[in-house]
Amino acid sequence: MAKKVVATLKTGEGASYAKVIRTVRSKKTGAYIFTEELMPTDKVKEALAKKK
């Protein structure tokens, strides 16, 4: 089963995603929280440009 997973990652489909980690301020405590998102690499700049 592991060979199948490795074979699918080498096709290039697995490499087209990026993990975006951003810091967000908590409304309750005021502390910073890290949020993680997986998104296509072509959408990363757009997602980082807009604020949440």
C-alpha atoms as a PDB file:
ATOM      1  CA  MET A   1       0.000   0.000   0.000  1.00  0.00           C
ATOM      2  CA  ALA A   2       2.838   2.416   0.732  1.00  0.00           C
ATOM      3  CA  LYS A   3       4.207   1.967  -2.767  1.00  0.00           C
ATOM      4  CA  LYS A   4       0.901   3.152  -4.222  1.00  0.00           C
ATOM      5  CA  VAL A   5       0.962   6.360  -2.148  1.00  0.00           C
ATOM      6  CA  VAL A   6       4.536   7.131  -3.140  1.00  0.00           C
ATOM      7  CA  ALA A   7       3.717   6.479  -6.789  1.00  0.00           C
ATOM      8  CA  THR A   8       0.781   8.923  -6.736  1.00  0.00           C
ATOM      9  CA  LEU A   9       2.891  11.668  -5.142  1.00  0.00           C
ATOM     10  CA  LYS A  10       5.484  11.410  -7.884  1.00  0.00           C
ATOM     11  CA  THR A  11       2.923  12.126 -10.616  1.00  0.00           C
ATOM     12  CA  GLY A  12       2.940  15.812  -9.670  1.00  0.00           C
ATOM     13  CA  GLU A  13      -0.613  16.024  -8.372  1.00  0.00           C
ATOM     14  CA  GLY A  14       0.512  15.895  -4.743  1.00  0.00           C
ATOM     15  CA  ALA A  15       3.045  18.665  -5.226  1.00  0.00           C
ATOM     16  CA  SER A  16       0.485  21.219  -6.425  1.00  0.00           C
ATOM     17  CA  TYR A  17      -0.703  22.024  -2.891  1.00  0.00           C
ATOM     18  CA  ALA A  18       0.900  24.240  -0.263  1.00  0.00           C
ATOM     19  CA  LYS A  19       0.373  24.460   3.475  1.00  0.00           C
ATOM     20  CA  VAL A  20      -0.276  28.039   4.578  1.00  0.00           C
ATOM     21  CA  ILE A  21       0.241  28.851   8.252  1.00  0.00           C
ATOM     22  CA  ARG A  22      -0.885  32.250   9.447  1.00  0.00           C
ATOM     23  CA  THR A  23      -1.145  33.906  12.843  1.00  0.00           C
ATOM     24  CA  VAL A  24      -4.517  35.214  13.961  1.00  0.00           C
ATOM     25  CA  ARG A  25      -5.280  37.140  17.107  1.00  0.00           C
ATOM     26  CA  SER A  26      -7.848  35.468  19.376  1.00  0.00           C
ATOM     27  CA  LYS A  27     -10.886  37.613  20.179  1.00  0.00           C
ATOM     28  CA  LYS A  28     -11.322  35.961  23.585  1.00  0.00           C
ATOM     29  CA  THR A  29      -7.853  36.085  25.084  1.00  0.00           C
ATOM     30  CA  GLY A  30      -5.901  38.371  22.784  1.00  0.00           C
ATOM     31  CA  ALA A  31      -3.241  35.698  22.296  1.00  0.00           C
ATOM     32  CA  TYR A  32      -1.991  34.671  18.878  1.00  0.00           C
ATOM     33  CA  ILE A  33      -3.256  31.422  17.310  1.00  0.00           C
ATOM     34  CA  PHE A  34      -1.756  29.606  14.348  1.00  0.00           C
ATOM     35  CA  THR A  35      -4.198  28.473  11.656  1.00  0.00           C
ATOM     36  CA  GLU A  36      -3.195  25.995   8.970  1.00  0.00           C
ATOM     37  CA  GLU A  37      -4.758  25.613   5.523  1.00  0.00           C
ATOM     38  CA  LEU A  38      -3.994  23.419   2.533  1.00  0.00           C
ATOM     39  CA  MET A  39      -4.598  25.139  -0.782  1.00  0.00           C
ATOM     40  CA  PRO A  40      -3.452  24.972  -4.402  1.00  0.00           C
ATOM     41  CA  THR A  41      -0.146  26.759  -4.985  1.00  0.00           C
ATOM     42  CA  ASP A  42      -1.635  29.162  -7.522  1.00  0.00           C
ATOM     43  CA  LYS A  43      -4.102  30.500  -4.912  1.00  0.00           C
ATOM     44  CA  VAL A  44      -1.543  31.110  -2.130  1.00  0.00           C
ATOM     45  CA  LYS A  45      -0.699  34.733  -3.011  1.00  0.00           C
ATOM     46  CA  GLU A  46      -4.379  35.626  -3.309  1.00  0.00           C
ATOM     47  CA  ALA A  47      -5.169  34.066   0.076  1.00  0.00           C
ATOM     48  CA  LEU A  48      -2.302  35.844   1.825  1.00  0.00           C
ATOM     49  CA  ALA A  49      -3.208  39.188   0.286  1.00  0.00           C
ATOM     50  CA  LYS A  50      -6.677  39.330   1.826  1.00  0.00           C
ATOM     51  CA  LYS A  51      -7.201  39.583   5.570  1.00  0.00           C
ATOM     52  CA  LYS A  52      -9.519  37.337   7.508  1.00  0.00           C
END
